[in-house]
Amino acid sequence: MDDFKNFAFSGSLVDLAIGLAIGLAIGTAFGAVIQSLVDHLITPIVAAIFGKPSFNSLHWKVGKGDIQYGTSLTDLLGFMLLAPVIMFLVKGIPKATGREVAGAQGSRECPWCKEFIAVDALVCKCCTRDVEPVVKE
């Protein structure tokens, strides 16, 4: 039981849990903003062009059954409009703010302790010795 408590309440695990909770909250809020953008800005523009903002009333009678395919069409249209908006924001915001992803990608082996470190590391995170960064030309 003590091992479990040490593991569960170690700093890195608690930090990870807090980071996940914050990420989930921000992601949920971001999703609501994007959905509102699609619902209140983009869909009305589509409605102005094509004449119908919603296809929910479309249905198909088969015998005594009623297949309401309009709701699925509306949801599909919402997704087709939402996906490019998210792609634009994910790709456009870093370019617009000038904050591209910094640092090199990948890892390499520390020459001293043989642990894996980032390719652009100046100090090994494990043995704390200075290491030469890998320079790509």
C-alpha atoms as a PDB file:
ATOM      1  CA  MET A   1       0.000   0.000   0.000  1.00  0.00           C
ATOM      2  CA  ASP A   2       2.877   2.381   0.757  1.00  0.00           C
ATOM      3  CA  ASP A   3       4.352   1.793  -2.696  1.00  0.00           C
ATOM      4  CA  PHE A   4       1.021   2.654  -4.282  1.00  0.00           C
ATOM      5  CA  LYS A   5       0.691   5.860  -2.214  1.00  0.00           C
ATOM      6  CA  ASN A   6       4.208   6.912  -3.162  1.00  0.00           C
ATOM      7  CA  PHE A   7       3.464   6.255  -6.821  1.00  0.00           C
ATOM      8  CA  ALA A   8      -0.001   7.862  -6.832  1.00  0.00           C
ATOM      9  CA  PHE A   9       1.061  11.008  -5.016  1.00  0.00           C
ATOM     10  CA  SER A  10       4.480  11.500  -6.547  1.00  0.00           C
ATOM     11  CA  GLY A  11       5.024  14.949  -7.968  1.00  0.00           C
ATOM     12  CA  SER A  12       5.172  13.910 -11.602  1.00  0.00           C
ATOM     13  CA  LEU A  13       1.939  11.907 -11.477  1.00  0.00           C
ATOM     14  CA  VAL A  14       0.059  14.694  -9.708  1.00  0.00           C
ATOM     15  CA  ASP A  15       1.445  17.213 -12.234  1.00  0.00           C
ATOM     16  CA  LEU A  16       0.296  14.953 -15.059  1.00  0.00           C
ATOM     17  CA  ALA A  17      -3.202  14.684 -13.576  1.00  0.00           C
ATOM     18  CA  ILE A  18      -3.432  18.459 -13.135  1.00  0.00           C
ATOM     19  CA  GLY A  19      -2.173  18.997 -16.694  1.00  0.00           C
ATOM     20  CA  LEU A  20      -4.751  16.566 -18.058  1.00  0.00           C
ATOM     21  CA  ALA A  21      -7.570  18.251 -16.127  1.00  0.00           C
ATOM     22  CA  ILE A  22      -6.532  21.692 -17.366  1.00  0.00           C
ATOM     23  CA  GLY A  23      -6.129  20.388 -20.921  1.00  0.00           C
ATOM     24  CA  LEU A  24      -9.577  18.806 -20.807  1.00  0.00           C
ATOM     25  CA  ALA A  25     -11.150  22.015 -19.522  1.00  0.00           C
ATOM     26  CA  ILE A  26      -9.420  24.149 -22.156  1.00  0.00           C
ATOM     27  CA  GLY A  27     -10.251  21.620 -24.877  1.00  0.00           C
ATOM     28  CA  THR A  28     -13.911  21.597 -23.895  1.00  0.00           C
ATOM     29  CA  ALA A  29     -14.070  25.395 -23.876  1.00  0.00           C
ATOM     30  CA  PHE A  30     -12.233  25.549 -27.220  1.00  0.00           C
ATOM     31  CA  GLY A  31     -14.687  23.034 -28.693  1.00  0.00           C
ATOM     32  CA  ALA A  32     -17.621  25.146 -27.519  1.00  0.00           C
ATOM     33  CA  VAL A  33     -16.122  28.268 -29.099  1.00  0.00           C
ATOM     34  CA  ILE A  34     -15.506  26.471 -32.396  1.00  0.00           C
ATOM     35  CA  GLN A  35     -19.009  24.944 -32.385  1.00  0.00           C
ATOM     36  CA  SER A  36     -20.496  28.382 -31.721  1.00  0.00           C
ATOM     37  CA  LEU A  37     -18.443  29.820 -34.585  1.00  0.00           C
ATOM     38  CA  VAL A  38     -19.784  27.152 -36.933  1.00  0.00           C
ATOM     39  CA  ASP A  39     -23.385  27.399 -35.658  1.00  0.00           C
ATOM     40  CA  HIS A  40     -23.669  31.184 -35.592  1.00  0.00           C
ATOM     41  CA  LEU A  41     -21.336  32.378 -38.320  1.00  0.00           C
ATOM     42  CA  ILE A  42     -20.483  29.738 -40.896  1.00  0.00           C
ATOM     43  CA  THR A  43     -23.815  27.873 -41.048  1.00  0.00           C
ATOM     44  CA  PRO A  44     -25.804  31.120 -41.602  1.00  0.00           C
ATOM     45  CA  ILE A  45     -23.428  31.982 -44.453  1.00  0.00           C
ATOM     46  CA  VAL A  46     -24.097  28.558 -45.977  1.00  0.00           C
ATOM     47  CA  ALA A  47     -27.828  29.138 -45.424  1.00  0.00           C
ATOM     48  CA  ALA A  48     -27.600  32.489 -47.212  1.00  0.00           C
ATOM     49  CA  ILE A  49     -25.934  30.808 -50.188  1.00  0.00           C
ATOM     50  CA  PHE A  50     -27.943  27.575 -50.390  1.00  0.00           C
ATOM     51  CA  GLY A  51     -31.190  28.620 -48.702  1.00  0.00           C
ATOM     52  CA  LYS A  52     -31.360  26.118 -45.812  1.00  0.00           C
ATOM     53  CA  PRO A  53     -29.327  26.230 -42.584  1.00  0.00           C
ATOM     54  CA  SER A  54     -30.740  22.944 -41.327  1.00  0.00           C
ATOM     55  CA  PHE A  55     -31.895  19.759 -43.008  1.00  0.00           C
ATOM     56  CA  ASN A  56     -33.526  18.354 -39.847  1.00  0.00           C
ATOM     57  CA  SER A  57     -36.988  18.315 -41.397  1.00  0.00           C
ATOM     58  CA  LEU A  58     -35.963  15.993 -44.237  1.00  0.00           C
ATOM     59  CA  HIS A  59     -37.290  12.469 -43.850  1.00  0.00           C
ATOM     60  CA  TRP A  60     -38.190   9.450 -45.923  1.00  0.00           C
ATOM     61  CA  LYS A  61     -41.328   7.400 -45.347  1.00  0.00           C
ATOM     62  CA  VAL A  62     -40.923   3.661 -45.795  1.00  0.00           C
ATOM     63  CA  GLY A  63     -44.117   1.789 -45.042  1.00  0.00           C
ATOM     64  CA  LYS A  64     -45.066   2.719 -41.494  1.00  0.00           C
ATOM     65  CA  GLY A  65     -41.505   3.791 -40.694  1.00  0.00           C
ATOM     66  CA  ASP A  66     -40.022   7.261 -40.940  1.00  0.00           C
ATOM     67  CA  ILE A  67     -36.303   7.560 -41.704  1.00  0.00           C
ATOM     68  CA  GLN A  68     -35.134  11.000 -40.627  1.00  0.00           C
ATOM     69  CA  TYR A  69     -31.930  11.386 -42.586  1.00  0.00           C
ATOM     70  CA  GLY A  70     -31.998  15.186 -42.392  1.00  0.00           C
ATOM     71  CA  THR A  71     -30.529  15.286 -38.898  1.00  0.00           C
ATOM     72  CA  SER A  72     -27.584  13.189 -40.064  1.00  0.00           C
ATOM     73  CA  LEU A  73     -27.090  15.508 -43.042  1.00  0.00           C
ATOM     74  CA  THR A  74     -27.102  18.540 -40.729  1.00  0.00           C
ATOM     75  CA  ASP A  75     -24.559  16.900 -38.415  1.00  0.00           C
ATOM     76  CA  LEU A  76     -22.405  15.889 -41.393  1.00  0.00           C
ATOM     77  CA  LEU A  77     -22.514  19.436 -42.749  1.00  0.00           C
ATOM     78  CA  GLY A  78     -21.583  20.769 -39.303  1.00  0.00           C
ATOM     79  CA  PHE A  79     -18.602  18.415 -39.182  1.00  0.00           C
ATOM     80  CA  MET A  80     -17.537  19.304 -42.726  1.00  0.00           C
ATOM     81  CA  LEU A  81     -17.576  22.977 -41.736  1.00  0.00           C
ATOM     82  CA  LEU A  82     -16.000  22.416 -38.324  1.00  0.00           C
ATOM     83  CA  ALA A  83     -12.988  20.401 -39.517  1.00  0.00           C
ATOM     84  CA  PRO A  84     -11.507  23.138 -41.762  1.00  0.00           C
ATOM     85  CA  VAL A  85     -12.084  25.777 -39.065  1.00  0.00           C
ATOM     86  CA  ILE A  86     -10.148  23.698 -36.528  1.00  0.00           C
ATOM     87  CA  MET A  87      -7.402  22.997 -39.072  1.00  0.00           C
ATOM     88  CA  PHE A  88      -7.152  26.714 -39.854  1.00  0.00           C
ATOM     89  CA  LEU A  89      -6.879  27.619 -36.168  1.00  0.00           C
ATOM     90  CA  VAL A  90      -4.383  24.889 -35.310  1.00  0.00           C
ATOM     91  CA  LYS A  91      -2.140  25.787 -38.250  1.00  0.00           C
ATOM     92  CA  GLY A  92      -2.863  29.519 -38.397  1.00  0.00           C
ATOM     93  CA  ILE A  93      -2.524  30.673 -34.806  1.00  0.00           C
ATOM     94  CA  PRO A  94       1.163  29.702 -34.404  1.00  0.00           C
ATOM     95  CA  LYS A  95       1.995  31.406 -37.717  1.00  0.00           C
ATOM     96  CA  ALA A  96      -0.016  34.522 -36.871  1.00  0.00           C
ATOM     97  CA  THR A  97       1.557  34.867 -33.427  1.00  0.00           C
ATOM     98  CA  GLY A  98       5.048  34.048 -34.658  1.00  0.00           C
ATOM     99  CA  ARG A  99       5.335  31.255 -32.129  1.00  0.00           C
ATOM    100  CA  GLU A 100       6.271  28.249 -34.199  1.00  0.00           C
ATOM    101  CA  VAL A 101       7.173  25.002 -32.497  1.00  0.00           C
ATOM    102  CA  ALA A 102      10.613  25.571 -31.064  1.00  0.00           C
ATOM    103  CA  GLY A 103      13.398  23.104 -30.605  1.00  0.00           C
ATOM    104  CA  ALA A 104      14.522  20.062 -32.474  1.00  0.00           C
ATOM    105  CA  GLN A 105      12.490  16.894 -32.613  1.00  0.00           C
ATOM    106  CA  GLY A 106      13.889  13.552 -31.517  1.00  0.00           C
ATOM    107  CA  SER A 107      16.295  12.111 -29.021  1.00  0.00           C
ATOM    108  CA  ARG A 108      19.845  10.812 -28.826  1.00  0.00           C
ATOM    109  CA  GLU A 109      21.993   8.937 -26.387  1.00  0.00           C
ATOM    110  CA  CYS A 110      23.986  10.796 -23.732  1.00  0.00           C
ATOM    111  CA  PRO A 111      27.705   9.990 -24.248  1.00  0.00           C
ATOM    112  CA  TRP A 112      28.226   9.775 -20.468  1.00  0.00           C
ATOM    113  CA  CYS A 113      25.292   7.838 -18.970  1.00  0.00           C
ATOM    114  CA  LYS A 114      23.757   6.366 -22.153  1.00  0.00           C
ATOM    115  CA  GLU A 115      20.252   7.658 -21.303  1.00  0.00           C
ATOM    116  CA  PHE A 116      18.154   9.224 -24.068  1.00  0.00           C
ATOM    117  CA  ILE A 117      18.026  13.026 -24.173  1.00  0.00           C
ATOM    118  CA  ALA A 118      16.683  15.609 -26.618  1.00  0.00           C
ATOM    119  CA  VAL A 119      18.866  16.165 -29.683  1.00  0.00           C
ATOM    120  CA  ASP A 120      19.239  19.868 -28.847  1.00  0.00           C
ATOM    121  CA  ALA A 121      20.008  19.330 -25.149  1.00  0.00           C
ATOM    122  CA  LEU A 122      22.999  21.171 -23.683  1.00  0.00           C
ATOM    123  CA  VAL A 123      22.926  19.282 -20.370  1.00  0.00           C
ATOM    124  CA  CYS A 124      21.918  15.654 -19.779  1.00  0.00           C
ATOM    125  CA  LYS A 125      18.739  15.521 -17.705  1.00  0.00           C
ATOM    126  CA  CYS A 126      19.894  12.293 -16.039  1.00  0.00           C
ATOM    127  CA  CYS A 127      23.570  12.730 -15.172  1.00  0.00           C
ATOM    128  CA  THR A 128      23.596  16.563 -15.449  1.00  0.00           C
ATOM    129  CA  ARG A 129      26.826  16.604 -17.475  1.00  0.00           C
ATOM    130  CA  ASP A 130      27.316  19.044 -20.315  1.00  0.00           C
ATOM    131  CA  VAL A 131      26.774  17.560 -23.770  1.00  0.00           C
ATOM    132  CA  GLU A 132      27.346  18.943 -27.233  1.00  0.00           C
ATOM    133  CA  PRO A 133      24.110  19.699 -29.102  1.00  0.00           C
ATOM    134  CA  VAL A 134      23.573  18.014 -32.431  1.00  0.00           C
ATOM    135  CA  VAL A 135      23.770  20.700 -35.107  1.00  0.00           C
ATOM    136  CA  LYS A 136      21.962  20.052 -38.393  1.00  0.00           C
ATOM    137  CA  GLU A 137      23.140  21.949 -41.431  1.00  0.00           C
END
